[in-house]
Protein backbone atom coordinates (compact mmCIF):
# COMPACT_ATOMS: atom_id res chain seq x y z
CA MET A 1 -20.85 183.68 -18.74
CA LYS A 2 -19.34 185.13 -21.89
CA PRO A 3 -16.82 187.90 -22.66
CA SER A 4 -18.25 191.28 -23.46
CA ARG A 5 -17.48 193.26 -26.56
CA LEU A 6 -15.23 195.57 -24.54
CA LEU A 7 -13.05 192.67 -23.35
CA LEU A 8 -12.76 191.24 -26.86
CA ILE A 9 -11.71 194.63 -28.26
CA TRP A 10 -8.99 195.06 -25.63
CA LEU A 11 -7.71 191.53 -26.20
CA ALA A 12 -7.67 191.99 -29.95
CA LEU A 13 -5.86 195.33 -29.63
CA LEU A 14 -3.14 194.03 -27.30
CA LEU A 15 -2.65 190.88 -29.34
CA ALA A 16 -2.40 192.93 -32.55
CA ILE A 17 0.22 195.17 -30.94
CA GLY A 18 2.14 192.11 -29.78
CA ILE A 19 2.05 190.60 -33.27
CA VAL A 20 3.29 193.83 -34.81
CA LEU A 21 6.14 194.13 -32.27
CA GLY A 22 7.11 190.51 -32.79
CA THR A 23 7.12 190.91 -36.56
CA LEU A 24 9.32 194.01 -36.39
CA ARG A 25 11.71 192.20 -34.07
CA ALA A 26 11.86 189.23 -36.44
CA LEU A 27 12.73 191.64 -39.26
CA GLU A 28 15.56 192.93 -37.05
CA VAL A 29 13.99 196.37 -36.79
CA ASP A 30 15.46 198.27 -33.84
CA ILE A 31 12.65 198.78 -31.28
CA PRO A 32 12.92 199.44 -27.55
CA ALA A 33 12.66 196.24 -25.50
CA SER A 34 10.49 198.08 -23.00
CA LEU A 35 7.61 198.21 -25.54
CA ILE A 36 7.33 194.45 -25.57
CA SER A 37 7.47 194.33 -21.79
CA ILE A 38 4.76 197.00 -21.53
CA ASN A 39 2.53 195.10 -23.98
CA TRP A 40 2.89 191.88 -22.01
CA GLY A 41 2.27 193.74 -18.80
CA LEU A 42 -0.93 195.26 -20.16
CA LEU A 43 -2.09 191.85 -21.38
CA LEU A 44 -1.45 190.23 -18.01
CA ALA A 45 -3.16 193.13 -16.23
CA LEU A 46 -6.21 192.77 -18.50
CA LEU A 47 -6.38 189.05 -17.76
CA ALA A 48 -6.12 189.72 -14.03
CA LEU A 49 -8.86 192.35 -14.16
CA ALA A 50 -11.03 190.03 -16.24
CA THR A 51 -10.59 187.26 -13.68
CA LEU A 52 -11.51 189.51 -10.78
CA ASP A 53 -14.45 190.93 -12.72
CA ALA A 54 -15.72 187.42 -13.47
CA LEU A 55 -15.50 186.43 -9.80
CA ARG A 56 -17.44 189.50 -8.76
CA LEU A 57 -20.10 188.74 -11.38
CA LYS A 58 -20.52 185.21 -10.08
CA ARG A 59 -20.95 186.49 -6.53
CA LEU A 60 -23.80 188.83 -7.45
CA PRO A 61 -26.95 187.93 -5.49
CA ALA A 62 -29.75 186.14 -7.27
CA LEU A 63 -32.61 188.03 -8.88
CA ARG A 64 -36.27 187.23 -8.28
CA VAL A 65 -38.59 187.52 -11.25
CA THR A 66 -42.35 187.08 -11.19
CA ARG A 67 -44.59 187.11 -14.23
CA GLN A 68 -48.07 188.62 -14.38
CA MET A 69 -50.10 187.55 -17.39
CA PRO A 70 -53.77 186.99 -18.24
CA GLY A 71 -55.10 183.53 -17.54
CA SER A 72 -56.60 183.45 -21.02
CA LEU A 73 -55.85 185.08 -24.36
CA ALA A 74 -57.92 185.44 -27.53
CA LEU A 75 -56.56 183.95 -30.73
CA GLY A 76 -54.93 186.61 -32.89
CA ARG A 77 -55.31 189.42 -30.33
CA TRP A 78 -52.48 191.14 -28.50
CA GLY A 79 -52.14 190.67 -24.74
CA GLU A 80 -49.84 192.23 -22.15
CA VAL A 81 -47.33 190.40 -19.95
CA GLN A 82 -45.64 192.14 -17.02
CA LEU A 83 -42.38 191.08 -15.37
CA ASN A 84 -41.56 192.20 -11.81
CA VAL A 85 -37.86 192.11 -10.93
CA GLU A 86 -36.69 192.15 -7.31
CA HIS A 87 -33.00 192.20 -6.30
CA ASP A 88 -30.53 192.85 -3.48
CA PHE A 89 -27.90 194.81 -5.43
CA ALA A 90 -26.20 197.65 -3.63
CA ASP A 91 -25.53 199.66 -6.80
CA PRO A 92 -27.61 200.48 -9.91
CA LEU A 93 -27.29 197.84 -12.62
CA ASN A 94 -28.45 197.69 -16.24
CA ILE A 95 -29.71 194.23 -17.20
CA GLN A 96 -31.41 192.54 -20.14
CA ILE A 97 -34.33 190.14 -19.75
CA PHE A 98 -35.59 187.69 -22.33
CA ASP A 99 -38.67 185.66 -21.49
CA HIS A 100 -38.74 182.23 -23.15
CA VAL A 101 -42.07 182.38 -25.00
CA PRO A 102 -43.57 179.03 -26.07
CA GLN A 103 -43.84 178.21 -29.75
CA GLY A 104 -47.17 179.32 -31.17
CA LEU A 105 -47.06 182.77 -29.56
CA SER A 106 -45.52 185.77 -31.28
CA PHE A 107 -44.10 188.61 -29.20
CA GLU A 108 -42.95 192.22 -29.31
CA ASN A 109 -40.43 194.26 -27.24
CA LEU A 110 -38.15 191.36 -26.29
CA PRO A 111 -35.43 191.36 -25.04
CA LEU A 112 -36.12 194.04 -22.45
CA SER A 113 -33.55 196.42 -20.98
CA VAL A 114 -34.05 197.83 -17.49
CA GLN A 115 -31.96 199.67 -14.92
CA LEU A 116 -32.29 198.21 -11.45
CA GLN A 117 -32.20 200.68 -8.58
CA PRO A 118 -31.18 199.64 -5.04
CA GLY A 119 -34.14 198.83 -2.84
CA GLN A 120 -36.70 199.12 -5.64
CA THR A 121 -38.77 196.62 -7.61
CA SER A 122 -38.66 197.17 -11.37
CA GLN A 123 -41.65 196.49 -13.62
CA ILE A 124 -41.36 195.92 -17.36
CA GLY A 125 -43.64 194.40 -19.94
CA TYR A 126 -43.97 193.02 -23.44
CA ARG A 127 -46.79 191.98 -25.78
CA LEU A 128 -48.00 188.54 -26.83
CA ARG A 129 -50.11 187.52 -29.82
CA PRO A 130 -51.33 183.92 -30.00
CA LEU A 131 -51.06 182.23 -33.39
CA LYS A 132 -52.80 179.02 -32.34
CA ARG A 133 -55.22 177.87 -29.66
CA GLY A 134 -54.40 175.63 -26.72
CA HIS A 135 -52.61 175.52 -23.41
CA PHE A 136 -49.19 177.20 -23.18
CA SER A 137 -46.65 176.91 -20.36
CA PHE A 138 -43.96 179.47 -19.54
CA ASP A 139 -41.07 177.91 -17.63
CA VAL A 140 -37.88 179.95 -18.02
CA CYS A 141 -36.92 183.61 -17.91
CA GLU A 142 -33.41 184.52 -19.06
CA VAL A 143 -31.50 187.41 -17.40
CA ASN A 144 -28.21 188.83 -18.70
CA LEU A 145 -26.12 190.61 -16.04
CA PRO A 146 -23.15 192.82 -16.92
CA SER A 147 -20.04 192.68 -14.72
CA ALA A 148 -18.89 195.69 -12.72
CA LEU A 149 -16.10 196.57 -15.19
CA GLY A 150 -18.18 195.62 -18.21
CA LEU A 151 -15.80 192.83 -19.27
CA TRP A 152 -18.26 189.94 -18.91
CA SER A 153 -21.95 189.19 -19.41
CA GLY A 154 -23.51 186.53 -17.19
CA LYS A 155 -26.61 184.60 -18.25
CA ARG A 156 -28.93 183.28 -15.56
CA LEU A 157 -31.91 181.06 -16.31
CA LEU A 158 -34.63 181.55 -13.73
CA GLN A 159 -37.43 179.05 -13.28
CA VAL A 160 -40.59 181.15 -13.49
CA SER A 161 -43.56 178.88 -14.14
CA ASP A 162 -46.84 180.24 -15.48
CA SER A 163 -49.46 179.12 -17.95
CA THR A 164 -52.23 180.56 -20.07
CA ARG A 165 -54.98 179.32 -22.33
CA VAL A 166 -55.68 180.62 -25.82
CA TYR A 167 -59.36 180.61 -26.70
CA PRO A 168 -61.10 181.34 -29.98
CA ASP A 169 -61.54 185.06 -30.59
CA PHE A 170 -64.78 185.50 -28.71
CA ALA A 171 -64.22 188.95 -27.23
CA ARG A 172 -66.24 190.72 -29.93
CA LEU A 173 -69.31 188.72 -28.96
CA TYR A 174 -69.22 189.90 -25.37
CA GLY A 175 -69.00 193.44 -26.66
CA GLY A 176 -72.34 192.85 -28.37
CA GLN A 177 -74.07 192.82 -25.00
CA LEU A 178 -73.73 196.60 -24.94
CA LEU A 179 -75.77 196.95 -28.13
CA ALA A 180 -79.33 196.22 -28.99
CA VAL A 181 -79.62 192.67 -30.28
CA ASP A 182 -81.03 193.63 -33.67
CA ASN A 183 -78.35 196.25 -34.30
CA TRP A 184 -75.64 193.89 -33.18
CA LEU A 185 -76.79 191.09 -35.48
CA SER A 186 -77.07 193.46 -38.41
CA GLN A 187 -73.48 194.59 -37.83
CA LEU A 188 -72.38 190.97 -38.05
CA GLY A 189 -74.09 190.67 -41.43
CA VAL A 190 -77.03 188.59 -40.21
CA ARG A 191 -80.14 188.95 -42.35
CA GLN A 192 -83.44 189.16 -40.54
CA ARG A 193 -86.05 187.17 -42.44
CA GLN A 194 -89.75 187.87 -42.25
CA ARG A 195 -91.57 185.63 -39.82
CA ARG A 196 -94.42 183.45 -40.99
CA GLY A 197 -96.26 183.63 -37.67
CA GLN A 198 -96.12 184.90 -34.15
CA GLY A 199 -94.36 181.86 -32.73
CA LEU A 200 -95.82 178.75 -31.16
CA GLU A 201 -95.22 179.19 -27.42
CA PHE A 202 -97.66 181.26 -25.35
CA HIS A 203 -95.98 184.19 -23.62
CA GLN A 204 -98.59 186.48 -22.00
CA LEU A 205 -101.95 188.24 -22.29
CA ARG A 206 -102.06 191.94 -23.06
CA GLU A 207 -104.40 194.55 -24.42
CA PHE A 208 -105.31 194.32 -28.07
CA ARG A 209 -103.16 196.69 -30.14
CA GLU A 210 -103.34 197.99 -33.67
CA GLY A 211 -101.76 195.49 -36.01
CA ASP A 212 -102.80 192.40 -34.01
CA SER A 213 -104.80 189.77 -35.87
CA LEU A 214 -108.25 188.65 -34.76
CA ARG A 215 -106.88 185.15 -34.21
CA GLN A 216 -104.85 186.50 -31.29
CA ILE A 217 -107.93 187.63 -29.33
CA ASP A 218 -108.61 185.62 -26.17
CA TRP A 219 -112.41 185.76 -26.02
CA LYS A 220 -112.73 184.51 -22.43
CA ALA A 221 -110.29 187.10 -21.13
CA THR A 222 -112.00 189.73 -23.30
CA ALA A 223 -115.37 188.87 -21.74
CA ARG A 224 -113.96 189.10 -18.21
CA GLN A 225 -112.13 192.39 -18.77
CA ARG A 226 -114.76 193.83 -21.13
CA THR A 227 -111.99 195.07 -23.37
CA PRO A 228 -110.18 193.28 -26.21
CA ILE A 229 -107.38 191.08 -24.83
CA ALA A 230 -104.84 189.46 -27.15
CA ARG A 231 -102.56 186.50 -26.69
CA GLU A 232 -98.87 187.16 -27.25
CA TYR A 233 -96.70 184.34 -28.46
CA GLN A 234 -92.94 183.91 -28.65
CA ASP A 235 -90.58 181.60 -30.43
CA GLU A 236 -90.54 178.19 -28.87
CA ARG A 237 -87.87 177.94 -26.21
CA ASP A 238 -86.04 175.04 -24.64
CA GLN A 239 -85.15 173.55 -27.99
CA GLN A 240 -81.80 171.87 -28.54
CA ILE A 241 -78.95 172.54 -30.93
CA LEU A 242 -76.08 170.10 -31.36
CA PHE A 243 -73.01 170.94 -33.41
CA LEU A 244 -71.42 167.97 -35.17
CA LEU A 245 -67.95 169.33 -35.85
CA ASP A 246 -65.55 167.76 -38.33
CA CYS A 247 -61.97 167.82 -37.00
CA GLY A 248 -60.50 165.92 -39.96
CA ARG A 249 -57.91 166.84 -42.54
CA ARG A 250 -60.32 168.81 -44.71
CA MET A 251 -60.62 171.47 -42.03
CA ARG A 252 -56.88 172.19 -42.09
CA SER A 253 -57.19 174.49 -45.11
CA GLN A 254 -56.26 178.11 -44.50
CA ASP A 255 -57.19 181.20 -46.52
CA ASP A 256 -56.07 183.92 -44.08
CA GLU A 257 -54.59 183.99 -40.59
CA LEU A 258 -57.21 181.52 -39.34
CA SER A 259 -57.69 177.98 -40.55
CA HIS A 260 -61.09 176.71 -41.67
CA PHE A 261 -61.31 174.86 -38.37
CA ASP A 262 -60.85 178.11 -36.40
CA HIS A 263 -63.51 179.82 -38.49
CA ALA A 264 -65.84 176.89 -37.80
CA LEU A 265 -65.23 177.15 -34.05
CA ASN A 266 -65.92 180.88 -34.07
CA ALA A 267 -69.16 180.33 -35.99
CA CYS A 268 -70.32 177.61 -33.58
CA LEU A 269 -69.60 179.83 -30.58
CA LEU A 270 -71.40 182.78 -32.15
CA LEU A 271 -74.55 180.76 -32.77
CA SER A 272 -74.25 179.18 -29.31
CA TYR A 273 -74.17 182.62 -27.71
CA ILE A 274 -77.33 183.72 -29.54
CA ALA A 275 -79.20 180.45 -29.01
CA LEU A 276 -78.44 180.41 -25.29
CA ARG A 277 -79.71 183.97 -24.97
CA GLN A 278 -82.96 182.87 -26.57
CA GLY A 279 -83.46 180.06 -24.08
CA ASP A 280 -82.33 177.11 -26.19
CA ALA A 281 -79.90 174.38 -25.14
CA VAL A 282 -76.61 174.00 -26.99
CA GLY A 283 -74.21 171.05 -27.18
CA LEU A 284 -71.30 169.86 -29.28
CA MET A 285 -69.84 166.61 -30.57
CA THR A 286 -66.63 166.18 -32.57
CA PHE A 287 -65.44 163.44 -34.89
CA ALA A 288 -62.27 162.57 -36.82
CA CYS A 289 -60.11 163.86 -33.97
CA ASP A 290 -57.59 162.29 -31.60
CA GLN A 291 -59.71 162.83 -28.49
CA PRO A 292 -63.41 163.12 -29.42
CA ARG A 293 -65.37 165.61 -27.33
CA HIS A 294 -69.03 165.43 -26.40
CA LEU A 295 -70.93 168.09 -24.53
CA ALA A 296 -74.63 167.38 -24.04
CA PRO A 297 -77.04 170.24 -24.83
CA VAL A 298 -77.64 172.43 -21.77
CA LYS A 299 -79.33 175.80 -21.29
CA GLY A 300 -77.94 178.82 -19.45
CA ALA A 301 -75.06 181.27 -19.74
CA GLY A 302 -72.72 178.83 -18.01
CA GLN A 303 -72.89 176.53 -21.02
CA LEU A 304 -70.94 179.05 -23.07
CA ASN A 305 -67.96 178.74 -20.71
CA ALA A 306 -68.27 174.97 -20.86
CA LEU A 307 -68.16 175.11 -24.66
CA LEU A 308 -65.10 177.36 -24.63
CA ASN A 309 -63.26 175.08 -22.22
CA SER A 310 -64.17 172.05 -24.34
CA VAL A 311 -62.89 173.36 -27.66
CA TYR A 312 -60.09 175.82 -26.89
CA ASP A 313 -57.36 173.18 -27.34
CA LEU A 314 -58.99 171.32 -30.24
CA ASP A 315 -57.21 171.24 -33.56
CA ALA A 316 -57.76 169.67 -36.95
CA THR A 317 -56.06 166.32 -37.50
CA ARG A 318 -54.96 164.37 -40.58
CA ARG A 319 -57.70 161.80 -40.16
CA PRO A 320 -60.43 161.26 -42.78
CA ALA A 321 -64.01 162.12 -41.85
CA ASP A 322 -66.16 159.06 -41.05
CA TYR A 323 -69.70 160.40 -41.33
CA GLN A 324 -71.39 157.05 -40.68
CA ALA A 325 -69.53 156.52 -37.40
CA ALA A 326 -70.28 160.09 -36.33
CA ALA A 327 -73.99 159.60 -37.07
CA SER A 328 -74.07 156.37 -35.06
CA GLN A 329 -72.46 158.03 -32.04
CA LEU A 330 -74.80 161.00 -32.20
CA LEU A 331 -77.93 158.86 -32.45
CA ALA A 332 -76.76 156.80 -29.48
CA ARG A 333 -76.14 159.87 -27.31
CA GLN A 334 -78.82 162.35 -28.42
CA LYS A 335 -82.29 160.93 -27.95
CA ARG A 336 -84.31 164.15 -27.89
CA ARG A 337 -85.03 165.84 -31.21
CA ALA A 338 -82.53 168.59 -31.97
CA LEU A 339 -81.19 170.78 -34.71
CA VAL A 340 -77.99 169.00 -35.75
CA ILE A 341 -75.56 171.31 -37.54
CA LEU A 342 -72.91 169.31 -39.38
CA VAL A 343 -69.89 171.58 -40.00
CA THR A 344 -67.50 170.13 -42.57
CA ASN A 345 -66.03 170.61 -46.04
CA LEU A 346 -67.95 168.53 -48.54
CA ARG A 347 -66.18 166.89 -51.48
CA ASP A 348 -67.51 164.99 -54.45
CA GLU A 349 -66.30 161.65 -53.06
CA ASP A 350 -68.66 162.04 -50.08
CA ASP A 351 -71.79 161.19 -52.07
CA GLU A 352 -72.89 157.82 -50.74
CA GLU A 353 -71.40 157.93 -47.23
CA LEU A 354 -72.64 161.42 -46.41
CA LEU A 355 -76.11 160.88 -47.87
CA GLY A 356 -76.53 157.71 -45.86
CA ALA A 357 -75.41 159.36 -42.63
CA VAL A 358 -77.64 162.40 -43.14
CA LYS A 359 -80.67 160.22 -43.91
CA ARG A 360 -80.16 158.33 -40.65
CA LEU A 361 -79.88 161.56 -38.68
CA SER A 362 -82.93 163.06 -40.40
CA THR A 363 -85.20 160.30 -39.13
CA GLN A 364 -84.85 161.68 -35.59
CA HIS A 365 -83.38 165.18 -35.89
CA ARG A 366 -83.50 168.30 -38.02
CA VAL A 367 -80.21 168.41 -39.94
CA LEU A 368 -78.40 171.42 -41.40
CA VAL A 369 -75.15 170.84 -43.32
CA ALA A 370 -72.63 173.70 -43.29
CA SER A 371 -69.95 173.23 -45.93
CA LEU A 372 -66.92 175.52 -45.99
CA ARG A 373 -65.72 176.61 -49.43
CA GLU A 374 -62.09 177.53 -50.03
CA GLU A 375 -61.75 181.20 -50.92
CA THR A 376 -59.16 180.38 -53.54
CA LEU A 377 -61.88 178.61 -55.56
CA ASP A 378 -63.80 181.87 -55.95
CA THR A 379 -60.57 183.67 -56.80
CA LEU A 380 -59.63 181.19 -59.52
CA ARG A 381 -63.14 181.21 -60.95
CA HIS A 382 -63.06 184.99 -61.44
CA THR A 383 -59.46 185.27 -62.62
CA PRO A 384 -59.07 186.18 -66.34
CA VAL A 385 -57.66 183.28 -68.38
CA GLN A 386 -54.72 184.15 -70.63
CA THR A 387 -52.38 181.16 -70.59
CA LEU A 388 -52.73 177.38 -70.83
CA PRO A 389 -51.93 176.76 -67.12
CA GLU A 390 -54.55 179.38 -66.16
CA ALA A 391 -57.08 177.69 -68.46
CA LEU A 392 -56.38 174.29 -66.88
CA ALA A 393 -56.71 175.75 -63.38
CA TYR A 394 -59.97 177.46 -64.34
CA CYS A 395 -61.47 174.29 -65.84
CA GLY A 396 -60.45 172.21 -62.84
CA THR A 397 -61.98 174.75 -60.47
CA VAL A 398 -65.28 174.91 -62.36
CA SER A 399 -65.46 171.12 -62.56
CA TYR A 400 -64.82 170.77 -58.84
CA LEU A 401 -67.43 173.42 -57.96
CA ASN A 402 -70.00 171.75 -60.22
CA GLU A 403 -69.47 168.44 -58.44
CA ARG A 404 -69.91 170.15 -55.07
CA THR A 405 -73.10 171.77 -56.33
CA GLU A 406 -74.46 168.39 -57.43
CA LEU A 407 -73.83 166.96 -53.98
CA HIS A 408 -75.57 169.94 -52.37
CA GLU A 409 -78.55 169.46 -54.69
CA GLN A 410 -78.78 165.80 -53.73
CA LEU A 411 -78.90 166.74 -50.07
CA SER A 412 -81.52 169.41 -50.74
CA ALA A 413 -83.60 166.88 -52.66
CA HIS A 414 -83.73 164.76 -49.50
CA GLY A 415 -84.94 167.75 -47.47
CA VAL A 416 -81.56 168.62 -45.94
CA PRO A 417 -80.64 172.31 -46.28
CA VAL A 418 -77.02 173.10 -47.11
CA VAL A 419 -75.03 176.22 -46.27
CA ASP A 420 -72.16 176.62 -48.75
CA VAL A 421 -70.11 179.68 -47.77
CA ARG A 422 -66.59 180.92 -47.35
CA PRO A 423 -65.22 180.38 -43.82
CA ALA A 424 -65.38 184.04 -42.77
CA GLU A 425 -69.11 184.18 -43.66
CA LEU A 426 -70.14 181.02 -41.82
CA GLY A 427 -71.09 182.61 -38.50
CA ALA A 428 -73.54 185.14 -39.92
CA GLU A 429 -75.10 182.54 -42.23
CA LEU A 430 -75.67 180.03 -39.41
CA VAL A 431 -77.37 182.70 -37.29
CA THR A 432 -79.59 183.62 -40.23
CA ARG A 433 -80.66 180.00 -40.76
CA TYR A 434 -81.23 179.51 -37.04
CA GLN A 435 -83.49 182.54 -36.82
CA ALA A 436 -85.40 181.44 -39.92
CA LEU A 437 -86.07 178.01 -38.37
CA LYS A 438 -87.14 179.58 -35.08
CA GLY A 439 -89.46 181.99 -36.84
CA ALA A 440 -90.97 179.20 -38.94
CA GLY A 441 -92.07 177.22 -35.89
CA GLY A 442 -88.93 175.67 -34.45
CA PHE A 443 -87.01 172.54 -35.19
């Protein structure tokens, strides 16, 4: 409980009058004695009223607050939270509510002001915007009650427990179900590459159509039906994709609102969504993190939820990336041939360790290395040079990029393709490479 502004103003006014009257009396100025008595009387009356008002405030019945919020939120997207306030007050009362929002969530429209009406439940709301992924608990809701005479403000902390999970921003992918697949992928910036064949897996027999090749004709079926029958093939299904995700310190870089690690997660989920729709199995393994995660490749739409629940609370750590240890764990767990997508940020010091790890993986799996490039490198490389510090920054940037390029060329020379893109472009580029591999005959 704390004094209101009204009480402080009255106290200050009466005390100021008392000081003025006392000063005049000390200067032997002739003033009526009744003025001093009246001032003291008003001060004592104010204190008595304040005491009674405080007692009435303490005796106010308790409020009941319940919170309605989504069980999950998307990173960076606004969500709505609703507070329901129930009470037993006999008279209307204006209150203020401040919900204690966990760190990592930004909010709007707090604190909230609402007038409670007798016998009615009041509903108010505010907005939340997650700034990081993970699990967030809401424990306390603060209510400020004014006293009947407005001389006090009472704070009550109500235990209102709720929780929510913040997932990667995956809502836009679900919206893609309403569009044709080709149009949706083109909107994401995915390039459709020309196929080199009609796939490897038999799909069905159908009538021969214009544009079909003679190699597609099934001569036995043609003889039985006495009309040209062609075989139709599709991309091989039931293949496996395994993401090998670096959670080390290199993924902590941040060019915009999202870190490189968040961009990497979004890209993995995007490709997972598309691969699962095409009948492939998707899994994930992390390294250089506090609690390594492993999700074996599985087919079906349910695997997407499993992936989301496995990675929503992951975050980049300060640990260095140990590629050899990650390769050993993957080879021990993944026996069937798969497309292994290593998502990391390659540096020049990775030469020997990374090459050795990739060679070991390549003996059993198809490996694709996705390396995230800091956007500031492209900015510095295209910035006009006018001063000595700018020249030094430019030379350092070019030297660093040249060393990265050399490492990428070494990997390519060993038959390992490398995707070197800015974080925001990773998702579309991975989908493009995946479709190219599927169209070329699979993994």
